[in-house]
Amino acid sequence: MVLKELMQVYQAGWKAVEEVQREERRSASLDLRWRQLNAVYGLAKGLGILQPDSTEAEVIKRWAILKNKANRQNPKA
């Protein structure tokens, strides 16, 4: 197999991986996405890379409202 063919096989493999990841993201539940968002936020907070923001409390309130609405629409998720 020549180098060009090897590169095409390699690239096709990564495209397949990308498609699987895209489908996983597309089918992820709201609960999973919420947990992932909280994990990223917790990591950033733990690393001390969050910037204090005077509007942060308002944003947290809005997310709580959205989460409550979503949970009422899909209580088993």
C-alpha atoms as a PDB file:
ATOM      1  CA  MET A   1       0.000   0.000   0.000  1.00  0.00           C
ATOM      2  CA  VAL A   2       1.386   3.362  -0.957  1.00  0.00           C
ATOM      3  CA  LEU A   3       1.512   6.364   1.305  1.00  0.00           C
ATOM      4  CA  LYS A   4      -1.438   8.077  -0.392  1.00  0.00           C
ATOM      5  CA  GLU A   5      -3.672   5.044   0.210  1.00  0.00           C
ATOM      6  CA  LEU A   6      -2.544   4.820   3.816  1.00  0.00           C
ATOM      7  CA  MET A   7      -3.412   8.477   4.354  1.00  0.00           C
ATOM      8  CA  GLN A   8      -6.857   7.974   2.805  1.00  0.00           C
ATOM      9  CA  VAL A   9      -7.553   5.009   5.096  1.00  0.00           C
ATOM     10  CA  TYR A  10      -6.336   7.009   8.092  1.00  0.00           C
ATOM     11  CA  GLN A  11      -8.501  10.002   7.201  1.00  0.00           C
ATOM     12  CA  ALA A  12     -11.545   7.809   6.546  1.00  0.00           C
ATOM     13  CA  GLY A  13     -11.107   6.257   9.985  1.00  0.00           C
ATOM     14  CA  TRP A  14     -11.097   9.653  11.672  1.00  0.00           C
ATOM     15  CA  LYS A  15     -14.124  10.756   9.655  1.00  0.00           C
ATOM     16  CA  ALA A  16     -15.961   7.677  10.926  1.00  0.00           C
ATOM     17  CA  VAL A  17     -14.980   8.538  14.499  1.00  0.00           C
ATOM     18  CA  GLU A  18     -16.159  12.112  13.979  1.00  0.00           C
ATOM     19  CA  GLU A  19     -19.541  10.906  12.704  1.00  0.00           C
ATOM     20  CA  VAL A  20     -20.028   8.635  15.731  1.00  0.00           C
ATOM     21  CA  GLN A  21     -19.154  11.512  18.065  1.00  0.00           C
ATOM     22  CA  ARG A  22     -21.526  13.835  16.204  1.00  0.00           C
ATOM     23  CA  GLU A  23     -24.367  11.311  16.587  1.00  0.00           C
ATOM     24  CA  GLU A  24     -23.590  10.860  20.299  1.00  0.00           C
ATOM     25  CA  ARG A  25     -23.787  14.627  20.813  1.00  0.00           C
ATOM     26  CA  ARG A  26     -27.008  14.827  18.797  1.00  0.00           C
ATOM     27  CA  SER A  27     -28.711  12.093  20.816  1.00  0.00           C
ATOM     28  CA  ALA A  28     -27.453  13.178  24.267  1.00  0.00           C
ATOM     29  CA  SER A  29     -30.228  13.836  26.759  1.00  0.00           C
ATOM     30  CA  LEU A  30     -30.766  17.199  28.367  1.00  0.00           C
ATOM     31  CA  ASP A  31     -29.789  15.667  31.704  1.00  0.00           C
ATOM     32  CA  LEU A  32     -26.470  14.436  30.297  1.00  0.00           C
ATOM     33  CA  ARG A  33     -25.734  17.798  28.712  1.00  0.00           C
ATOM     34  CA  TRP A  34     -26.600  19.555  31.978  1.00  0.00           C
ATOM     35  CA  ARG A  35     -24.233  17.277  33.927  1.00  0.00           C
ATOM     36  CA  GLN A  36     -21.481  17.862  31.363  1.00  0.00           C
ATOM     37  CA  LEU A  37     -21.951  21.620  31.570  1.00  0.00           C
ATOM     38  CA  ASN A  38     -21.793  21.495  35.367  1.00  0.00           C
ATOM     39  CA  ALA A  39     -18.655  19.339  35.183  1.00  0.00           C
ATOM     40  CA  VAL A  40     -16.911  21.845  32.908  1.00  0.00           C
ATOM     41  CA  TYR A  41     -18.012  24.729  35.130  1.00  0.00           C
ATOM     42  CA  GLY A  42     -16.777  22.900  38.245  1.00  0.00           C
ATOM     43  CA  LEU A  43     -13.439  22.176  36.597  1.00  0.00           C
ATOM     44  CA  ALA A  44     -12.993  25.810  35.558  1.00  0.00           C
ATOM     45  CA  LYS A  45     -13.948  26.968  39.042  1.00  0.00           C
ATOM     46  CA  GLY A  46     -11.577  24.473  40.658  1.00  0.00           C
ATOM     47  CA  LEU A  47      -8.736  25.602  38.426  1.00  0.00           C
ATOM     48  CA  GLY A  48      -9.435  29.218  39.295  1.00  0.00           C
ATOM     49  CA  ILE A  49      -9.919  30.319  35.715  1.00  0.00           C
ATOM     50  CA  LEU A  50     -13.422  31.758  36.107  1.00  0.00           C
ATOM     51  CA  GLN A  51     -13.736  35.490  35.870  1.00  0.00           C
ATOM     52  CA  PRO A  52     -16.055  37.064  38.443  1.00  0.00           C
ATOM     53  CA  ASP A  53     -19.126  38.425  36.706  1.00  0.00           C
ATOM     54  CA  SER A  54     -21.753  40.647  38.269  1.00  0.00           C
ATOM     55  CA  THR A  55     -24.402  39.048  36.050  1.00  0.00           C
ATOM     56  CA  GLU A  56     -23.477  35.487  37.040  1.00  0.00           C
ATOM     57  CA  ALA A  57     -26.279  35.220  39.587  1.00  0.00           C
ATOM     58  CA  GLU A  58     -28.823  36.204  36.938  1.00  0.00           C
ATOM     59  CA  VAL A  59     -27.446  33.605  34.532  1.00  0.00           C
ATOM     60  CA  ILE A  60     -27.629  30.905  37.201  1.00  0.00           C
ATOM     61  CA  LYS A  61     -31.256  31.843  37.896  1.00  0.00           C
ATOM     62  CA  ARG A  62     -32.079  31.579  34.193  1.00  0.00           C
ATOM     63  CA  TRP A  63     -30.419  28.162  33.903  1.00  0.00           C
ATOM     64  CA  ALA A  64     -32.360  26.957  36.955  1.00  0.00           C
ATOM     65  CA  ILE A  65     -35.629  28.092  35.339  1.00  0.00           C
ATOM     66  CA  LEU A  66     -34.740  26.318  32.086  1.00  0.00           C
ATOM     67  CA  LYS A  67     -33.752  23.155  33.939  1.00  0.00           C
ATOM     68  CA  ASN A  68     -37.010  23.130  35.906  1.00  0.00           C
ATOM     69  CA  LYS A  69     -39.050  23.595  32.730  1.00  0.00           C
ATOM     70  CA  ALA A  70     -37.159  20.798  30.995  1.00  0.00           C
ATOM     71  CA  ASN A  71     -37.617  18.455  33.948  1.00  0.00           C
ATOM     72  CA  ARG A  72     -41.361  19.115  33.967  1.00  0.00           C
ATOM     73  CA  GLN A  73     -41.577  18.299  30.258  1.00  0.00           C
ATOM     74  CA  ASN A  74     -39.507  15.125  30.549  1.00  0.00           C
ATOM     75  CA  PRO A  75     -39.597  13.885  34.171  1.00  0.00           C
ATOM     76  CA  LYS A  76     -37.828  10.553  33.434  1.00  0.00           C
ATOM     77  CA  ALA A  77     -34.774  12.065  31.702  1.00  0.00           C
END
